[in-house]
């Protein structure tokens, strides 16, 4: 029997409409089978955060106007803050790491090759981060997938930079911080830094939302304990 407190996240565009439903669906007692054993989990508290906004709770505090850019697999969440408090935000759909890899698959198919498997998608991302070649063999021929991926990721990053400039007054912000799995320089980060002045990439960017959501959860429980 496990008693748990849960922090989870929703894209900014879905947060207001679906937050309460997510809390209701998760909170309560759940029974399932794991490795042949019956497990009962009681979730006594659920905290739902906005993707992108959650990351700020796990980072050094900022003053003035700040923009957080959270690049995920298929969405980019943009959060605007004033003196560390969430002000407003938006979700940009169909931009992210997996969308860029979808474009790689289309290019491979245009070359009469096959799309990447899930493991190959992971492998090409590792190769890009490590700066090494990654190839697959199709019909007896080797194809340099990392070169195709580089082109598609750069195109997606340039499109994202253009979208951000059209939707957000980035020049008015004192801080612009990029995080999420797509924030690494080898993915979208380097191109964004070329197009957005003073953009910073968070350390271990893929973990920022997780740490921020957990920090918010712990903060709530501490406040409740003090009231008791």
Protein backbone atom coordinates (compact mmCIF):
# COMPACT_ATOMS: atom_id res chain seq x y z
CA UNK A 1 0.00 0.00 0.00
CA UNK A 2 1.43 3.33 -1.10
CA UNK A 3 0.34 6.83 -0.14
CA UNK A 4 1.50 9.43 -2.65
CA UNK A 5 1.37 13.09 -3.51
CA UNK A 6 1.53 13.84 -7.21
CA UNK A 7 2.72 16.77 -9.29
CA UNK A 8 1.93 16.75 -13.00
CA UNK A 9 1.77 19.25 -15.84
CA UNK A 10 -0.43 20.38 -18.72
CA UNK A 11 0.35 22.54 -21.76
CA UNK A 12 -0.49 26.16 -21.03
CA UNK A 13 -3.30 26.18 -23.61
CA UNK A 14 -5.05 23.27 -21.84
CA UNK A 15 -4.39 24.25 -18.24
CA UNK A 16 -7.48 26.28 -17.35
CA UNK A 17 -9.93 23.95 -19.09
CA UNK A 18 -8.55 20.61 -17.90
CA UNK A 19 -6.78 21.26 -14.58
CA UNK A 20 -9.74 20.32 -12.39
CA UNK A 21 -10.51 17.17 -14.40
CA UNK A 22 -6.89 15.99 -14.13
CA UNK A 23 -6.94 16.53 -10.37
CA UNK A 24 -10.20 14.58 -10.00
CA UNK A 25 -9.06 11.70 -12.19
CA UNK A 26 -5.79 11.21 -10.30
CA UNK A 27 -6.86 11.84 -6.74
CA UNK A 28 -8.16 8.85 -4.78
CA UNK A 29 -7.36 5.16 -4.44
CA UNK A 30 -6.13 3.12 -7.41
CA UNK A 31 -5.44 -0.63 -7.53
CA UNK A 32 -3.40 -2.31 -10.24
CA UNK A 33 -1.10 -5.27 -10.82
CA UNK A 34 2.67 -4.85 -10.99
CA UNK A 35 5.00 -7.84 -11.53
CA UNK A 36 2.13 -10.15 -10.67
CA UNK A 37 1.37 -8.44 -7.36
CA UNK A 38 -1.63 -6.34 -6.45
CA UNK A 39 -0.63 -2.78 -5.58
CA UNK A 40 -2.89 -0.15 -4.02
CA UNK A 41 -1.94 3.51 -4.31
CA UNK A 42 -3.78 6.26 -2.48
CA UNK A 43 -3.08 9.66 -4.06
CA UNK A 44 -3.98 12.14 -1.35
CA UNK A 45 -2.93 15.36 -3.09
CA UNK A 46 -2.55 16.41 -6.75
CA UNK A 47 -0.88 19.61 -7.94
CA UNK A 48 -1.27 20.46 -11.64
CA UNK A 49 1.20 22.98 -13.08
CA UNK A 50 1.57 24.70 -16.43
CA UNK A 51 4.35 23.34 -18.63
CA UNK A 52 7.00 26.00 -18.94
CA UNK A 53 5.71 27.95 -15.95
CA UNK A 54 6.55 25.10 -13.57
CA UNK A 55 10.24 25.36 -14.41
CA UNK A 56 10.58 28.77 -12.81
CA UNK A 57 9.85 27.37 -9.35
CA UNK A 58 12.99 25.23 -9.64
CA UNK A 59 15.32 27.99 -10.87
CA UNK A 60 16.99 31.04 -9.27
CA UNK A 61 14.45 33.85 -8.77
CA UNK A 62 14.26 36.60 -11.37
CA UNK A 63 13.08 40.20 -11.13
CA UNK A 64 11.40 42.28 -13.80
CA UNK A 65 10.02 40.81 -17.00
CA UNK A 66 11.05 37.26 -17.89
CA UNK A 67 10.10 34.80 -20.63
CA UNK A 68 10.42 31.04 -20.33
CA UNK A 69 10.51 28.94 -23.50
CA UNK A 70 9.84 25.24 -22.91
CA UNK A 71 10.65 23.10 -25.96
CA UNK A 72 9.18 19.63 -25.71
CA UNK A 73 8.49 16.82 -28.12
CA UNK A 74 5.50 18.24 -30.02
CA UNK A 75 4.70 21.53 -28.31
CA UNK A 76 6.51 24.68 -27.20
CA UNK A 77 5.10 26.46 -24.15
CA UNK A 78 5.91 30.15 -23.71
CA UNK A 79 5.41 31.60 -20.23
CA UNK A 80 5.65 35.31 -19.33
CA UNK A 81 6.57 36.31 -15.77
CA UNK A 82 6.63 39.56 -13.86
CA UNK A 83 8.92 39.59 -10.81
CA UNK A 84 8.82 35.81 -10.68
CA UNK A 85 5.03 35.50 -10.87
CA UNK A 86 3.30 33.90 -13.84
CA UNK A 87 1.49 36.54 -15.90
CA UNK A 88 0.29 34.78 -19.06
CA UNK A 89 1.41 32.25 -21.64
CA UNK A 90 0.65 30.28 -24.78
CA UNK A 91 1.27 26.92 -26.40
CA UNK A 92 2.70 26.58 -29.91
CA UNK A 93 1.62 23.26 -31.40
CA UNK A 94 3.51 21.09 -33.88
CA UNK A 95 6.99 22.33 -32.99
CA UNK A 96 9.51 20.33 -31.01
CA UNK A 97 12.00 17.48 -31.10
CA UNK A 98 9.62 14.74 -32.25
CA UNK A 99 8.14 17.00 -34.93
CA UNK A 100 11.65 17.65 -36.27
CA UNK A 101 12.26 13.88 -36.30
CA UNK A 102 8.99 13.43 -38.21
CA UNK A 103 10.51 15.71 -40.87
CA UNK A 104 13.61 13.49 -40.89
CA UNK A 105 11.39 10.47 -41.55
CA UNK A 106 9.70 12.24 -44.47
CA UNK A 107 13.07 13.09 -45.99
CA UNK A 108 14.23 9.48 -45.60
CA UNK A 109 11.08 8.28 -47.34
CA UNK A 110 11.66 10.81 -50.13
CA UNK A 111 15.02 9.10 -50.60
CA UNK A 112 13.23 5.74 -50.79
CA UNK A 113 14.52 4.76 -47.35
CA UNK A 114 12.51 3.71 -44.32
CA UNK A 115 11.50 5.90 -41.35
CA UNK A 116 13.44 5.64 -38.10
CA UNK A 117 12.45 3.22 -35.38
CA UNK A 118 11.90 4.52 -31.84
CA UNK A 119 15.35 3.33 -30.77
CA UNK A 120 16.91 4.98 -33.82
CA UNK A 121 15.21 8.26 -32.93
CA UNK A 122 16.83 8.07 -29.50
CA UNK A 123 20.18 7.12 -31.01
CA UNK A 124 20.25 10.02 -33.48
CA UNK A 125 19.47 12.46 -30.66
CA UNK A 126 22.37 11.06 -28.64
CA UNK A 127 24.65 11.36 -31.67
CA UNK A 128 23.63 14.99 -32.21
CA UNK A 129 24.32 15.88 -28.60
CA UNK A 130 27.70 14.16 -28.73
CA UNK A 131 28.64 15.64 -32.11
CA UNK A 132 29.19 12.34 -33.90
CA UNK A 133 27.89 10.74 -37.06
CA UNK A 134 24.89 8.44 -37.07
CA UNK A 135 24.06 6.19 -40.01
CA UNK A 136 21.51 3.57 -40.94
CA UNK A 137 21.83 1.01 -43.69
CA UNK A 138 19.03 0.71 -46.24
CA UNK A 139 19.24 -1.65 -49.22
CA UNK A 140 22.96 -2.07 -48.72
CA UNK A 141 23.64 1.68 -48.65
CA UNK A 142 24.62 3.79 -45.64
CA UNK A 143 22.65 7.00 -45.02
CA UNK A 144 23.97 9.79 -42.76
CA UNK A 145 20.90 10.47 -40.64
CA UNK A 146 22.61 13.05 -38.41
CA UNK A 147 23.18 15.36 -41.40
CA UNK A 148 19.50 15.20 -42.35
CA UNK A 149 18.53 15.73 -38.72
CA UNK A 150 20.80 18.76 -38.43
CA UNK A 151 19.06 20.40 -41.39
CA UNK A 152 15.55 19.64 -40.12
CA UNK A 153 16.29 20.73 -36.54
CA UNK A 154 17.80 24.02 -37.76
CA UNK A 155 14.76 24.68 -39.96
CA UNK A 156 12.41 23.98 -37.05
CA UNK A 157 14.42 26.20 -34.70
CA UNK A 158 14.38 29.08 -37.21
CA UNK A 159 10.61 28.68 -37.60
CA UNK A 160 10.24 28.74 -33.80
CA UNK A 161 12.33 31.90 -33.50
CA UNK A 162 10.14 33.58 -36.13
CA UNK A 163 6.98 32.43 -34.35
CA UNK A 164 8.23 33.74 -31.00
CA UNK A 165 9.10 37.15 -32.42
CA UNK A 166 5.65 37.41 -33.99
CA UNK A 167 3.78 36.46 -30.80
CA UNK A 168 5.90 37.88 -27.96
CA UNK A 169 7.69 41.18 -27.37
CA UNK A 170 10.92 39.37 -26.55
CA UNK A 171 12.99 42.53 -26.69
CA UNK A 172 11.07 43.94 -23.71
CA UNK A 173 12.11 41.10 -21.39
CA UNK A 174 15.08 41.37 -19.05
CA UNK A 175 15.46 37.58 -18.98
CA UNK A 176 14.78 34.98 -21.67
CA UNK A 177 15.37 31.40 -20.53
CA UNK A 178 15.04 28.26 -22.63
CA UNK A 179 14.49 24.79 -21.18
CA UNK A 180 12.92 21.46 -22.02
CA UNK A 181 14.46 18.57 -23.94
CA UNK A 182 14.71 20.59 -27.14
CA UNK A 183 16.66 23.46 -25.55
CA UNK A 184 20.11 21.89 -25.93
CA UNK A 185 22.35 23.87 -28.31
CA UNK A 186 22.70 20.76 -30.47
CA UNK A 187 18.92 20.69 -30.96
CA UNK A 188 17.16 24.10 -31.05
CA UNK A 189 19.19 26.16 -28.60
CA UNK A 190 22.07 27.37 -30.78
CA UNK A 191 19.80 28.69 -33.54
CA UNK A 192 17.53 30.38 -31.00
CA UNK A 193 20.52 32.09 -29.41
CA UNK A 194 21.48 33.45 -32.83
CA UNK A 195 17.98 34.90 -33.27
CA UNK A 196 17.07 36.00 -29.74
CA UNK A 197 19.34 38.39 -27.85
CA UNK A 198 20.50 37.35 -24.36
CA UNK A 199 18.73 33.98 -24.49
CA UNK A 200 20.05 31.64 -21.79
CA UNK A 201 19.81 27.85 -21.84
CA UNK A 202 19.08 26.32 -18.45
CA UNK A 203 21.46 23.75 -17.01
CA UNK A 204 20.14 20.23 -17.67
CA UNK A 205 17.14 21.83 -19.37
CA UNK A 206 15.06 18.66 -19.67
CA UNK A 207 14.77 18.45 -15.85
CA UNK A 208 13.64 22.01 -15.08
CA UNK A 209 9.89 21.38 -15.23
CA UNK A 210 10.23 18.31 -13.04
CA UNK A 211 12.24 20.08 -10.33
CA UNK A 212 9.94 23.08 -10.48
CA UNK A 213 6.77 21.01 -10.16
CA UNK A 214 8.21 19.05 -7.23
CA UNK A 215 9.34 22.27 -5.55
CA UNK A 216 5.80 23.60 -5.86
CA UNK A 217 4.37 20.37 -4.43
CA UNK A 218 6.75 20.40 -1.46
CA UNK A 219 5.95 24.06 -0.83
CA UNK A 220 2.23 23.33 -0.63
CA UNK A 221 2.73 20.44 1.79
CA UNK A 222 5.02 22.53 4.02
CA UNK A 223 2.39 25.29 4.20
CA UNK A 224 -0.30 22.75 5.10
CA UNK A 225 1.89 21.26 7.83
CA UNK A 226 2.53 24.70 9.33
CA UNK A 227 -1.20 25.50 9.40
CA UNK A 228 -1.83 22.28 11.32
